[in-house]
Amino acid sequence: MTPAQQITLWADRLRDMSAMGQYFTDNVYDKANYQQIQSIAMGLMALANGDELADLEPLRAPIFSRPTPISVADAAVFDEDGRLLLIQRADNGKWALPGGALEVGETAAAGAMREAYEETGVRCEVVELAGVWDSRLCGSATRHHLYHFVFRARPLNGDQPDSPVHPQETLAMGWFGEQELPDELDPGHISRIPHLFKLWRGEGRPYFDG
């Protein structure tokens, strides 16, 4: 772990503690102190990642005031030939599973299917839980501590997907065999994709960090 990554993790832990404290306390002085801790966490995170503090301010309510790690879901969609659906992300140009943050009120599996459709136009059906990965341990490049729920799925509209709902998030998409993967994989997906091919072949069990 680099110094910047360690500072980011400490900042995210401060974010979590301040959000939890503000949630449970009724004392006005404690709330003010937790607000200050939240501001320190934002400042540390901006410093560690080379961001402007002003750019993080809009995240104060939706992200920094939220306790616990953030849950996200990815869809590992395999076609009948064992090819995996990947997208080229618009934010970093790297290839990854379609996925994103879960919404309040939906299950993790439903979120994975929704994200796949929004980013690729492929309607899919979840087959099984492939695993739960901790962002700190699988190489994800992210400011915040995430839990990645990954589900194996099968496509419902084949190789003729609908138009993506959020095309601005995706530069390209494609189906890839295990020996045909693109070179520029997103760091957080490099360790997960081999496990997904194992599951598709009927080998192994759903993954979780020990």
N, C-alpha and C. Protein backbone atom coordinates (compact mmCIF):
# COMPACT_ATOMS: atom_id res chain seq x y z
N MET A 1 0.85 -1.19 0.00
CA MET A 1 0.00 0.00 0.00
C MET A 1 0.89 1.25 0.00
N THR A 2 0.64 2.16 -0.92
CA THR A 2 1.42 3.39 -1.00
C THR A 2 0.99 4.34 0.12
N PRO A 3 1.84 5.35 0.45
CA PRO A 3 1.42 6.33 1.46
C PRO A 3 0.09 6.99 1.12
N ALA A 4 -0.12 7.31 -0.16
CA ALA A 4 -1.38 7.95 -0.56
C ALA A 4 -2.56 7.01 -0.31
N GLN A 5 -2.38 5.72 -0.62
CA GLN A 5 -3.46 4.77 -0.38
C GLN A 5 -3.74 4.61 1.11
N GLN A 6 -2.68 4.62 1.93
CA GLN A 6 -2.88 4.49 3.37
C GLN A 6 -3.60 5.71 3.93
N ILE A 7 -3.22 6.91 3.49
CA ILE A 7 -3.90 8.13 3.94
C ILE A 7 -5.35 8.12 3.50
N THR A 8 -5.60 7.65 2.27
CA THR A 8 -6.97 7.57 1.78
C THR A 8 -7.80 6.63 2.64
N LEU A 9 -7.22 5.49 3.03
CA LEU A 9 -7.95 4.54 3.87
C LEU A 9 -8.24 5.15 5.23
N TRP A 10 -7.23 5.82 5.84
CA TRP A 10 -7.47 6.48 7.13
C TRP A 10 -8.56 7.54 7.00
N ALA A 11 -8.53 8.30 5.92
CA ALA A 11 -9.55 9.34 5.70
C ALA A 11 -10.93 8.73 5.57
N ASP A 12 -11.01 7.59 4.89
CA ASP A 12 -12.31 6.95 4.72
C ASP A 12 -12.82 6.39 6.05
N ARG A 13 -11.91 5.92 6.89
CA ARG A 13 -12.32 5.46 8.22
C ARG A 13 -12.81 6.62 9.07
N LEU A 14 -12.14 7.78 8.97
CA LEU A 14 -12.63 8.96 9.66
C LEU A 14 -13.99 9.37 9.14
N ARG A 15 -14.17 9.28 7.81
CA ARG A 15 -15.48 9.58 7.23
C ARG A 15 -16.56 8.70 7.82
N ASP A 16 -16.26 7.40 7.94
CA ASP A 16 -17.23 6.45 8.46
C ASP A 16 -17.54 6.75 9.93
N MET A 17 -16.50 7.01 10.73
CA MET A 17 -16.72 7.28 12.16
C MET A 17 -17.51 8.57 12.37
N SER A 18 -17.20 9.60 11.58
CA SER A 18 -17.91 10.86 11.73
C SER A 18 -19.37 10.72 11.32
N ALA A 19 -19.61 9.96 10.24
CA ALA A 19 -20.99 9.77 9.80
C ALA A 19 -21.79 8.96 10.81
N MET A 20 -21.17 7.91 11.37
CA MET A 20 -21.86 7.10 12.37
C MET A 20 -22.11 7.92 13.63
N GLY A 21 -21.14 8.73 14.04
CA GLY A 21 -21.31 9.56 15.22
C GLY A 21 -22.44 10.57 15.06
N GLN A 22 -22.49 11.22 13.90
CA GLN A 22 -23.55 12.19 13.66
C GLN A 22 -24.92 11.52 13.63
N TYR A 23 -24.95 10.27 13.20
CA TYR A 23 -26.22 9.55 13.10
C TYR A 23 -26.79 9.24 14.50
N PHE A 24 -25.90 8.86 15.42
CA PHE A 24 -26.38 8.35 16.70
C PHE A 24 -26.44 9.40 17.82
N THR A 25 -25.65 10.47 17.71
CA THR A 25 -25.63 11.42 18.82
C THR A 25 -26.74 12.46 18.70
N ASP A 26 -27.24 12.89 19.87
CA ASP A 26 -28.22 13.98 19.92
C ASP A 26 -27.60 15.24 20.51
N ASN A 27 -26.33 15.13 20.92
CA ASN A 27 -25.65 16.24 21.55
C ASN A 27 -25.13 17.20 20.49
N VAL A 28 -25.52 18.47 20.60
CA VAL A 28 -25.17 19.45 19.57
C VAL A 28 -23.66 19.66 19.49
N TYR A 29 -22.95 19.55 20.62
CA TYR A 29 -21.51 19.75 20.61
C TYR A 29 -20.81 18.55 19.95
N ASP A 30 -21.30 17.35 20.23
CA ASP A 30 -20.75 16.17 19.57
C ASP A 30 -20.97 16.23 18.07
N LYS A 31 -22.15 16.68 17.66
CA LYS A 31 -22.44 16.79 16.22
C LYS A 31 -21.46 17.75 15.55
N ALA A 32 -21.15 18.86 16.24
CA ALA A 32 -20.20 19.83 15.68
C ALA A 32 -18.81 19.22 15.55
N ASN A 33 -18.41 18.43 16.57
CA ASN A 33 -17.10 17.78 16.51
C ASN A 33 -17.04 16.75 15.38
N TYR A 34 -18.10 15.98 15.23
CA TYR A 34 -18.13 14.99 14.14
C TYR A 34 -18.11 15.68 12.78
N GLN A 35 -18.73 16.86 12.70
CA GLN A 35 -18.69 17.63 11.46
C GLN A 35 -17.27 18.05 11.15
N GLN A 36 -16.51 18.43 12.18
CA GLN A 36 -15.12 18.80 11.98
C GLN A 36 -14.27 17.60 11.54
N ILE A 37 -14.54 16.45 12.14
CA ILE A 37 -13.83 15.24 11.73
C ILE A 37 -14.12 14.93 10.26
N GLN A 38 -15.38 15.14 9.86
CA GLN A 38 -15.75 14.92 8.46
C GLN A 38 -14.96 15.85 7.55
N SER A 39 -14.81 17.10 7.95
CA SER A 39 -14.05 18.06 7.13
C SER A 39 -12.58 17.67 7.05
N ILE A 40 -12.02 17.17 8.18
CA ILE A 40 -10.63 16.71 8.16
C ILE A 40 -10.48 15.52 7.22
N ALA A 41 -11.44 14.60 7.25
CA ALA A 41 -11.41 13.44 6.35
C ALA A 41 -11.42 13.89 4.90
N MET A 42 -12.24 14.86 4.58
CA MET A 42 -12.30 15.36 3.20
C MET A 42 -10.99 16.01 2.80
N GLY A 43 -10.38 16.76 3.74
CA GLY A 43 -9.11 17.40 3.43
C GLY A 43 -8.00 16.40 3.21
N LEU A 44 -7.94 15.35 4.05
CA LEU A 44 -6.93 14.31 3.88
C LEU A 44 -7.11 13.58 2.56
N MET A 45 -8.37 13.29 2.21
CA MET A 45 -8.62 12.56 0.97
C MET A 45 -8.24 13.40 -0.25
N ALA A 46 -8.53 14.68 -0.20
CA ALA A 46 -8.15 15.57 -1.30
C ALA A 46 -6.63 15.64 -1.42
N LEU A 47 -5.94 15.74 -0.29
CA LEU A 47 -4.48 15.81 -0.30
C LEU A 47 -3.86 14.54 -0.86
N ALA A 48 -4.39 13.38 -0.44
CA ALA A 48 -3.81 12.10 -0.86
C ALA A 48 -4.02 11.83 -2.33
N ASN A 49 -5.10 12.35 -2.90
CA ASN A 49 -5.44 12.02 -4.28
C ASN A 49 -5.22 13.17 -5.26
N GLY A 50 -4.66 14.29 -4.76
CA GLY A 50 -4.38 15.42 -5.63
C GLY A 50 -5.62 16.14 -6.10
N ASP A 51 -6.70 16.08 -5.31
CA ASP A 51 -7.95 16.75 -5.67
C ASP A 51 -8.02 18.14 -5.03
N GLU A 52 -8.85 18.99 -5.58
CA GLU A 52 -9.18 20.25 -4.94
C GLU A 52 -10.28 19.99 -3.92
N LEU A 53 -10.12 20.54 -2.72
CA LEU A 53 -11.11 20.32 -1.67
C LEU A 53 -12.50 20.78 -2.12
N ALA A 54 -12.54 21.86 -2.90
CA ALA A 54 -13.83 22.37 -3.38
C ALA A 54 -14.55 21.34 -4.26
N ASP A 55 -13.76 20.50 -4.96
CA ASP A 55 -14.37 19.50 -5.83
C ASP A 55 -15.03 18.38 -5.03
N LEU A 56 -14.58 18.18 -3.78
CA LEU A 56 -15.17 17.14 -2.94
C LEU A 56 -16.38 17.63 -2.16
N GLU A 57 -16.53 18.94 -2.05
CA GLU A 57 -17.62 19.49 -1.23
C GLU A 57 -19.00 18.99 -1.66
N PRO A 58 -19.31 18.85 -2.96
CA PRO A 58 -20.63 18.31 -3.34
C PRO A 58 -20.87 16.88 -2.86
N LEU A 59 -19.78 16.19 -2.47
CA LEU A 59 -19.92 14.80 -2.00
C LEU A 59 -20.18 14.72 -0.50
N ARG A 60 -20.20 15.86 0.19
CA ARG A 60 -20.34 15.83 1.64
C ARG A 60 -21.64 15.14 2.06
N ALA A 61 -22.76 15.53 1.45
CA ALA A 61 -24.05 14.93 1.86
C ALA A 61 -24.23 13.50 1.35
N PRO A 62 -24.03 13.23 0.04
CA PRO A 62 -24.32 11.87 -0.44
C PRO A 62 -23.28 10.81 -0.08
N ILE A 63 -22.02 11.21 0.15
CA ILE A 63 -20.95 10.23 0.37
C ILE A 63 -20.36 10.33 1.77
N PHE A 64 -19.87 11.52 2.14
CA PHE A 64 -19.13 11.64 3.39
C PHE A 64 -20.03 11.56 4.62
N SER A 65 -21.32 11.79 4.45
CA SER A 65 -22.23 11.68 5.58
C SER A 65 -22.83 10.29 5.69
N ARG A 66 -22.41 9.38 4.83
CA ARG A 66 -22.96 8.03 4.85
C ARG A 66 -22.07 7.10 5.66
N PRO A 67 -22.62 6.43 6.70
CA PRO A 67 -21.79 5.47 7.45
C PRO A 67 -21.69 4.14 6.71
N THR A 68 -20.69 3.35 7.08
CA THR A 68 -20.41 2.02 6.55
C THR A 68 -19.84 2.08 5.14
N PRO A 69 -19.16 1.02 4.68
CA PRO A 69 -18.65 0.97 3.30
C PRO A 69 -19.79 1.08 2.28
N ILE A 70 -19.43 1.46 1.08
CA ILE A 70 -20.40 1.61 0.00
C ILE A 70 -20.52 0.29 -0.75
N SER A 71 -21.76 -0.12 -1.04
CA SER A 71 -22.00 -1.37 -1.74
C SER A 71 -22.20 -1.12 -3.23
N VAL A 72 -21.49 -1.90 -4.05
CA VAL A 72 -21.63 -1.83 -5.50
C VAL A 72 -21.85 -3.24 -6.04
N ALA A 73 -22.39 -3.35 -7.23
CA ALA A 73 -22.65 -4.66 -7.82
C ALA A 73 -22.21 -4.68 -9.28
N ASP A 74 -21.58 -5.78 -9.67
CA ASP A 74 -21.13 -6.00 -11.05
C ASP A 74 -21.81 -7.24 -11.61
N ALA A 75 -22.02 -7.24 -12.92
CA ALA A 75 -22.62 -8.39 -13.60
C ALA A 75 -21.57 -9.07 -14.47
N ALA A 76 -21.34 -10.35 -14.22
CA ALA A 76 -20.45 -11.17 -15.06
C ALA A 76 -21.35 -11.93 -16.03
N VAL A 77 -21.61 -11.32 -17.19
CA VAL A 77 -22.55 -11.88 -18.16
C VAL A 77 -21.78 -12.76 -19.15
N PHE A 78 -22.09 -14.05 -19.17
CA PHE A 78 -21.46 -15.00 -20.09
C PHE A 78 -22.46 -15.43 -21.15
N ASP A 79 -22.02 -15.47 -22.42
CA ASP A 79 -22.89 -16.01 -23.46
C ASP A 79 -22.72 -17.52 -23.53
N GLU A 80 -23.40 -18.18 -24.46
CA GLU A 80 -23.39 -19.64 -24.54
C GLU A 80 -22.01 -20.19 -24.90
N ASP A 81 -21.17 -19.36 -25.51
CA ASP A 81 -19.82 -19.80 -25.88
C ASP A 81 -18.79 -19.52 -24.79
N GLY A 82 -19.24 -19.06 -23.64
CA GLY A 82 -18.31 -18.79 -22.55
C GLY A 82 -17.55 -17.49 -22.69
N ARG A 83 -18.09 -16.57 -23.47
CA ARG A 83 -17.46 -15.25 -23.60
C ARG A 83 -18.06 -14.30 -22.57
N LEU A 84 -17.20 -13.47 -21.99
CA LEU A 84 -17.59 -12.55 -20.92
C LEU A 84 -17.82 -11.15 -21.48
N LEU A 85 -18.89 -10.52 -21.07
CA LEU A 85 -19.22 -9.16 -21.50
C LEU A 85 -18.41 -8.15 -20.69
N LEU A 86 -17.65 -7.31 -21.39
CA LEU A 86 -16.87 -6.26 -20.74
C LEU A 86 -17.17 -4.92 -21.40
N ILE A 87 -16.99 -3.87 -20.62
CA ILE A 87 -17.13 -2.51 -21.14
C ILE A 87 -15.80 -1.78 -21.03
N GLN A 88 -15.58 -0.82 -21.92
CA GLN A 88 -14.44 0.08 -21.79
C GLN A 88 -14.95 1.34 -21.11
N ARG A 89 -14.49 1.57 -19.90
CA ARG A 89 -14.99 2.67 -19.09
C ARG A 89 -14.60 4.02 -19.67
N ALA A 90 -15.54 4.96 -19.59
CA ALA A 90 -15.26 6.30 -20.11
C ALA A 90 -14.35 7.09 -19.18
N ASP A 91 -14.34 6.75 -17.87
CA ASP A 91 -13.58 7.58 -16.94
C ASP A 91 -12.08 7.30 -16.98
N ASN A 92 -11.69 6.04 -17.28
CA ASN A 92 -10.24 5.76 -17.31
C ASN A 92 -9.79 4.99 -18.55
N GLY A 93 -10.73 4.67 -19.46
CA GLY A 93 -10.39 3.99 -20.71
C GLY A 93 -10.05 2.52 -20.56
N LYS A 94 -10.23 1.95 -19.36
CA LYS A 94 -9.89 0.56 -19.13
C LYS A 94 -11.13 -0.33 -19.19
N TRP A 95 -10.88 -1.63 -19.40
CA TRP A 95 -11.97 -2.59 -19.58
C TRP A 95 -12.36 -3.20 -18.24
N ALA A 96 -13.67 -3.39 -18.05
CA ALA A 96 -14.17 -3.83 -16.76
C ALA A 96 -15.53 -4.51 -16.93
N LEU A 97 -15.98 -5.16 -15.89
CA LEU A 97 -17.34 -5.67 -15.84
C LEU A 97 -18.31 -4.49 -15.75
N PRO A 98 -19.49 -4.59 -16.36
CA PRO A 98 -20.49 -3.54 -16.13
C PRO A 98 -20.96 -3.60 -14.69
N GLY A 99 -21.13 -2.45 -14.08
CA GLY A 99 -21.57 -2.42 -12.69
C GLY A 99 -21.52 -1.02 -12.12
N GLY A 100 -21.96 -0.89 -10.88
CA GLY A 100 -21.96 0.41 -10.25
C GLY A 100 -22.62 0.36 -8.88
N ALA A 101 -22.85 1.53 -8.30
CA ALA A 101 -23.39 1.63 -6.95
C ALA A 101 -24.83 1.15 -6.89
N LEU A 102 -25.15 0.49 -5.79
CA LEU A 102 -26.51 0.02 -5.57
C LEU A 102 -27.40 1.18 -5.13
N GLU A 103 -28.67 1.08 -5.48
CA GLU A 103 -29.64 2.09 -5.09
C GLU A 103 -30.43 1.60 -3.88
N VAL A 104 -30.86 2.54 -3.05
CA VAL A 104 -31.68 2.19 -1.90
C VAL A 104 -32.98 1.53 -2.39
N GLY A 105 -33.32 0.39 -1.79
CA GLY A 105 -34.57 -0.28 -2.13
C GLY A 105 -34.43 -1.40 -3.14
N GLU A 106 -33.23 -1.63 -3.70
CA GLU A 106 -33.06 -2.73 -4.64
C GLU A 106 -32.12 -3.77 -4.06
N THR A 107 -32.29 -5.01 -4.49
CA THR A 107 -31.37 -6.06 -4.07
C THR A 107 -30.06 -5.93 -4.84
N ALA A 108 -29.01 -6.57 -4.32
CA ALA A 108 -27.72 -6.51 -5.01
C ALA A 108 -27.82 -7.13 -6.39
N ALA A 109 -28.56 -8.25 -6.53
CA ALA A 109 -28.70 -8.90 -7.83
C ALA A 109 -29.45 -8.00 -8.81
N ALA A 110 -30.51 -7.35 -8.33
CA ALA A 110 -31.26 -6.44 -9.20
C ALA A 110 -30.40 -5.27 -9.64
N GLY A 111 -29.54 -4.79 -8.74
CA GLY A 111 -28.64 -3.70 -9.10
C GLY A 111 -27.65 -4.10 -10.16
N ALA A 112 -27.13 -5.33 -10.08
CA ALA A 112 -26.19 -5.81 -11.10
C ALA A 112 -26.87 -5.88 -12.47
N MET A 113 -28.10 -6.39 -12.51
CA MET A 113 -28.82 -6.48 -13.78
C MET A 113 -29.14 -5.09 -14.32
N ARG A 114 -29.51 -4.18 -13.45
CA ARG A 114 -29.81 -2.80 -13.88
C ARG A 114 -28.57 -2.14 -14.47
N GLU A 115 -27.44 -2.25 -13.77
CA GLU A 115 -26.22 -1.62 -14.24
C GLU A 115 -25.77 -2.19 -15.59
N ALA A 116 -25.89 -3.51 -15.75
CA ALA A 116 -25.51 -4.12 -17.02
C ALA A 116 -26.36 -3.55 -18.17
N TYR A 117 -27.65 -3.42 -17.92
CA TYR A 117 -28.53 -2.89 -18.97
C TYR A 117 -28.23 -1.42 -19.25
N GLU A 118 -28.02 -0.63 -18.19
CA GLU A 118 -27.78 0.80 -18.38
C GLU A 118 -26.49 1.05 -19.15
N GLU A 119 -25.46 0.24 -18.90
CA GLU A 119 -24.15 0.50 -19.50
C GLU A 119 -23.93 -0.20 -20.83
N THR A 120 -24.69 -1.26 -21.11
CA THR A 120 -24.46 -2.03 -22.35
C THR A 120 -25.70 -2.24 -23.20
N GLY A 121 -26.89 -2.09 -22.62
CA GLY A 121 -28.11 -2.41 -23.34
C GLY A 121 -28.43 -3.90 -23.32
N VAL A 122 -27.61 -4.71 -22.66
CA VAL A 122 -27.83 -6.15 -22.57
C VAL A 122 -28.72 -6.44 -21.37
N ARG A 123 -29.86 -7.04 -21.63
CA ARG A 123 -30.73 -7.50 -20.54
C ARG A 123 -30.21 -8.86 -20.10
N CYS A 124 -30.10 -9.05 -18.79
CA CYS A 124 -29.54 -10.31 -18.31
C CYS A 124 -30.33 -10.82 -17.11
N GLU A 125 -30.09 -12.08 -16.81
CA GLU A 125 -30.71 -12.74 -15.67
C GLU A 125 -29.61 -13.33 -14.80
N VAL A 126 -29.64 -13.01 -13.50
CA VAL A 126 -28.63 -13.51 -12.58
C VAL A 126 -28.78 -15.02 -12.39
N VAL A 127 -27.65 -15.72 -12.44
CA VAL A 127 -27.62 -17.17 -12.27
C VAL A 127 -27.15 -17.54 -10.86
N GLU A 128 -26.09 -16.86 -10.38
CA GLU A 128 -25.56 -17.18 -9.06
C GLU A 128 -24.69 -16.05 -8.56
N LEU A 129 -24.47 -16.03 -7.25
CA LEU A 129 -23.51 -15.11 -6.66
C LEU A 129 -22.11 -15.63 -6.95
N ALA A 130 -21.29 -14.79 -7.59
CA ALA A 130 -19.91 -15.19 -7.89
C ALA A 130 -18.97 -14.88 -6.73
N GLY A 131 -19.30 -13.86 -5.95
CA GLY A 131 -18.46 -13.53 -4.82
C GLY A 131 -18.65 -12.11 -4.33
N VAL A 132 -18.02 -11.83 -3.20
CA VAL A 132 -18.01 -10.49 -2.62
C VAL A 132 -16.55 -10.11 -2.39
N TRP A 133 -16.11 -9.03 -3.02
CA TRP A 133 -14.72 -8.59 -2.95
C TRP A 133 -14.62 -7.27 -2.19
N ASP A 134 -13.59 -7.15 -1.37
CA ASP A 134 -13.28 -5.93 -0.64
C ASP A 134 -12.37 -5.07 -1.53
N SER A 135 -12.76 -3.82 -1.76
CA SER A 135 -12.00 -2.97 -2.69
C SER A 135 -10.56 -2.77 -2.25
N ARG A 136 -10.28 -2.83 -0.93
CA ARG A 136 -8.92 -2.62 -0.43
C ARG A 136 -8.01 -3.78 -0.79
N LEU A 137 -8.61 -4.96 -1.06
CA LEU A 137 -7.83 -6.18 -1.23
C LEU A 137 -7.78 -6.68 -2.67
N CYS A 138 -8.61 -6.10 -3.55
CA CYS A 138 -8.64 -6.60 -4.93
C CYS A 138 -8.09 -5.60 -5.93
N GLY A 139 -7.53 -4.49 -5.44
CA GLY A 139 -6.86 -3.56 -6.35
C GLY A 139 -7.71 -2.46 -6.93
N SER A 140 -8.92 -2.27 -6.43
CA SER A 140 -9.78 -1.21 -6.97
C SER A 140 -9.18 0.16 -6.69
N ALA A 141 -9.14 1.00 -7.70
CA ALA A 141 -8.65 2.37 -7.55
C ALA A 141 -9.84 3.26 -7.22
N THR A 142 -10.06 3.50 -5.93
CA THR A 142 -11.23 4.26 -5.50
C THR A 142 -10.91 5.02 -4.22
N ARG A 143 -11.55 6.16 -4.04
CA ARG A 143 -11.34 6.93 -2.82
C ARG A 143 -11.94 6.21 -1.61
N HIS A 144 -13.04 5.48 -1.82
CA HIS A 144 -13.85 5.00 -0.72
C HIS A 144 -13.79 3.47 -0.62
N HIS A 145 -14.02 2.98 0.59
CA HIS A 145 -14.06 1.55 0.85
C HIS A 145 -15.35 0.98 0.26
N LEU A 146 -15.20 0.01 -0.65
CA LEU A 146 -16.34 -0.58 -1.34
C LEU A 146 -16.44 -2.07 -1.05
N TYR A 147 -17.66 -2.58 -1.07
CA TYR A 147 -17.90 -4.01 -1.16
C TYR A 147 -18.44 -4.28 -2.56
N HIS A 148 -17.71 -5.09 -3.34
CA HIS A 148 -18.13 -5.45 -4.70
C HIS A 148 -18.92 -6.76 -4.65
N PHE A 149 -20.21 -6.70 -4.92
CA PHE A 149 -21.00 -7.91 -5.09
C PHE A 149 -20.98 -8.25 -6.59
N VAL A 150 -20.52 -9.44 -6.93
CA VAL A 150 -20.42 -9.84 -8.33
C VAL A 150 -21.33 -11.06 -8.56
N PHE A 151 -22.15 -10.98 -9.61
CA PHE A 151 -23.09 -12.04 -9.93
C PHE A 151 -22.84 -12.57 -11.33
N ARG A 152 -22.82 -13.89 -11.48
CA ARG A 152 -22.77 -14.49 -12.81
C ARG A 152 -24.17 -14.41 -13.40
N ALA A 153 -24.24 -14.05 -14.67
CA ALA A 153 -25.54 -13.84 -15.32
C ALA A 153 -25.50 -14.35 -16.75
N ARG A 154 -26.68 -14.53 -17.32
CA ARG A 154 -26.78 -14.92 -18.73
C ARG A 154 -27.59 -13.86 -19.47
N PRO A 155 -27.24 -13.59 -20.74
CA PRO A 155 -27.95 -12.56 -21.50
C PRO A 155 -29.34 -13.03 -21.93
N LEU A 156 -30.28 -12.11 -21.99
CA LEU A 156 -31.63 -12.44 -22.42
C LEU A 156 -31.92 -11.94 -23.83
N ASN A 157 -31.15 -10.96 -24.30
CA ASN A 157 -31.36 -10.47 -25.66
C ASN A 157 -30.16 -10.72 -26.56
N GLY A 158 -29.35 -11.72 -26.19
CA GLY A 158 -28.30 -12.22 -27.07
C GLY A 158 -27.29 -11.18 -27.49
N ASP A 159 -26.85 -11.29 -28.75
CA ASP A 159 -25.83 -10.39 -29.28
C ASP A 159 -26.42 -9.12 -29.88
N GLN A 160 -27.73 -8.91 -29.70
CA GLN A 160 -28.39 -7.73 -30.25
C GLN A 160 -28.94 -6.89 -29.11
N PRO A 161 -28.06 -6.22 -28.36
CA PRO A 161 -28.52 -5.46 -27.20
C PRO A 161 -29.30 -4.22 -27.59
N ASP A 162 -30.07 -3.72 -26.63
CA ASP A 162 -30.73 -2.44 -26.80
C ASP A 162 -29.68 -1.33 -26.70
N SER A 163 -30.09 -0.11 -26.99
CA SER A 163 -29.18 1.02 -26.82
C SER A 163 -28.96 1.25 -25.33
N PRO A 164 -27.71 1.47 -24.89
CA PRO A 164 -27.46 1.71 -23.48
C PRO A 164 -28.23 2.93 -22.97
N VAL A 165 -28.67 2.85 -21.72
CA VAL A 165 -29.38 3.98 -21.11
C VAL A 165 -28.39 5.09 -20.76
N HIS A 166 -27.18 4.70 -20.35
CA HIS A 166 -26.14 5.67 -19.98
C HIS A 166 -24.92 5.49 -20.88
N PRO A 167 -25.03 5.81 -22.16
CA PRO A 167 -23.92 5.59 -23.09
C PRO A 167 -22.68 6.42 -22.75
N GLN A 168 -22.87 7.52 -22.02
CA GLN A 168 -21.73 8.37 -21.68
C GLN A 168 -20.75 7.68 -20.74
N GLU A 169 -21.17 6.58 -20.11
CA GLU A 169 -20.29 5.87 -19.18
C GLU A 169 -19.42 4.83 -19.88
N THR A 170 -19.72 4.55 -21.14
CA THR A 170 -19.09 3.43 -21.84
C THR A 170 -18.53 3.86 -23.18
N LEU A 171 -17.23 3.66 -23.40
CA LEU A 171 -16.62 3.97 -24.69
C LEU A 171 -16.85 2.87 -25.71
N ALA A 172 -16.84 1.61 -25.22
CA ALA A 172 -17.04 0.46 -26.10
C ALA A 172 -17.46 -0.73 -25.24
N MET A 173 -17.90 -1.80 -25.90
CA MET A 173 -18.26 -3.03 -25.20
C MET A 173 -17.93 -4.20 -26.11
N GLY A 174 -17.76 -5.38 -25.52
CA GLY A 174 -17.45 -6.54 -26.32
C GLY A 174 -17.52 -7.82 -25.51
N TRP A 175 -17.56 -8.95 -26.25
CA TRP A 175 -17.58 -10.27 -25.62
C TRP A 175 -16.19 -10.89 -25.79
N PHE A 176 -15.63 -11.40 -24.69
CA PHE A 176 -14.24 -11.87 -24.71
C PHE A 176 -14.12 -13.26 -24.11
N GLY A 177 -13.41 -14.14 -24.82
CA GLY A 177 -13.06 -15.44 -24.27
C GLY A 177 -11.93 -15.29 -23.27
N GLU A 178 -11.67 -16.36 -22.51
CA GLU A 178 -10.67 -16.28 -21.44
C GLU A 178 -9.28 -15.98 -21.98
N GLN A 179 -8.96 -16.43 -23.19
CA GLN A 179 -7.66 -16.19 -23.78
C GLN A 179 -7.65 -14.98 -24.71
N GLU A 180 -8.73 -14.22 -24.72
CA GLU A 180 -8.86 -13.08 -25.64
C GLU A 180 -9.12 -11.77 -24.91
N LEU A 181 -8.80 -11.71 -23.64
CA LEU A 181 -9.10 -10.53 -22.85
C LEU A 181 -8.28 -9.34 -23.31
N PRO A 182 -8.84 -8.14 -23.24
CA PRO A 182 -8.06 -6.95 -23.62
C PRO A 182 -6.91 -6.72 -22.65
N ASP A 183 -5.88 -6.05 -23.12
CA ASP A 183 -4.69 -5.81 -22.30
C ASP A 183 -4.96 -4.83 -21.15
N GLU A 184 -5.73 -3.80 -21.43
CA GLU A 184 -5.93 -2.73 -20.45
C GLU A 184 -7.15 -3.01 -19.58
N LEU A 185 -7.02 -3.99 -18.67
CA LEU A 185 -8.09 -4.27 -17.73
C LEU A 185 -8.02 -3.30 -16.56
N ASP A 186 -9.18 -2.93 -16.04
CA ASP A 186 -9.23 -2.10 -14.84
C ASP A 186 -8.58 -2.85 -13.68
N PRO A 187 -7.74 -2.17 -12.86
CA PRO A 187 -7.01 -2.88 -11.80
C PRO A 187 -7.89 -3.70 -10.86
N GLY A 188 -9.07 -3.19 -10.53
CA GLY A 188 -9.94 -3.90 -9.61
C GLY A 188 -10.59 -5.14 -10.19
N HIS A 189 -10.44 -5.36 -11.49
CA HIS A 189 -11.07 -6.50 -12.15
C HIS A 189 -10.08 -7.59 -12.53
N ILE A 190 -8.78 -7.27 -12.47
CA ILE A 190 -7.76 -8.23 -12.91
C ILE A 190 -7.82 -9.52 -12.11
N SER A 191 -7.98 -9.42 -10.81
CA SER A 191 -8.00 -10.62 -9.96
C SER A 191 -9.35 -11.31 -9.97
N ARG A 192 -10.41 -10.59 -10.32
CA ARG A 192 -11.75 -11.17 -10.25
C ARG A 192 -12.11 -11.98 -11.50
N ILE A 193 -11.67 -11.52 -12.65
CA ILE A 193 -12.09 -12.15 -13.90
C ILE A 193 -11.68 -13.62 -14.01
N PRO A 194 -10.43 -14.01 -13.64
CA PRO A 194 -10.10 -15.44 -13.70
C PRO A 194 -11.01 -16.31 -12.84
N HIS A 195 -11.41 -15.80 -11.67
CA HIS A 195 -12.32 -16.55 -10.81
C HIS A 195 -13.68 -16.73 -11.49
N LEU A 196 -14.11 -15.73 -12.23
CA LEU A 196 -15.41 -15.80 -12.90
C LEU A 196 -15.40 -16.86 -14.00
N PHE A 197 -14.32 -16.97 -14.74
CA PHE A 197 -14.23 -18.02 -15.75
C PHE A 197 -14.22 -19.40 -15.10
N LYS A 198 -13.58 -19.52 -13.94
CA LYS A 198 -13.60 -20.79 -13.22
C LYS A 198 -15.03 -21.18 -12.86
N LEU A 199 -15.79 -20.24 -12.35
CA LEU A 199 -17.17 -20.53 -11.98
C LEU A 199 -17.99 -20.93 -13.20
N TRP A 200 -17.75 -20.25 -14.33
CA TRP A 200 -18.51 -20.58 -15.54
C TRP A 200 -18.24 -22.02 -15.96
N ARG A 201 -17.01 -22.50 -15.74
CA ARG A 201 -16.66 -23.88 -16.08
C ARG A 201 -17.13 -24.88 -15.02
N GLY A 202 -17.76 -24.38 -13.96
CA GLY A 202 -18.22 -25.27 -12.90
C GLY A 202 -17.17 -25.60 -11.88
N GLU A 203 -16.11 -24.80 -11.84
CA GLU A 203 -15.02 -25.04 -10.88
C GLU A 203 -15.07 -23.98 -9.78
N GLY A 204 -14.67 -24.34 -8.59
CA GLY A 204 -14.58 -23.36 -7.52
C GLY A 204 -15.92 -23.04 -6.90
N ARG A 205 -15.89 -22.10 -5.95
CA ARG A 205 -17.06 -21.68 -5.21
C ARG A 205 -17.09 -20.16 -5.17
N PRO A 206 -18.24 -19.58 -4.78
CA PRO A 206 -18.28 -18.12 -4.65
C PRO A 206 -17.17 -17.60 -3.75
N TYR A 207 -16.59 -16.48 -4.13
CA TYR A 207 -15.41 -15.93 -3.46
C TYR A 207 -15.81 -14.98 -2.33
N PHE A 208 -15.05 -14.99 -1.26
CA PHE A 208 -15.13 -13.92 -0.28
C PHE A 208 -13.75 -13.74 0.35
N ASP A 209 -13.46 -12.54 0.82
CA ASP A 209 -12.17 -12.26 1.43
C ASP A 209 -12.16 -12.84 2.83
N GLY A 210 -11.08 -13.58 3.14
CA GLY A 210 -10.98 -14.20 4.46
C GLY A 210 -10.56 -13.21 5.53
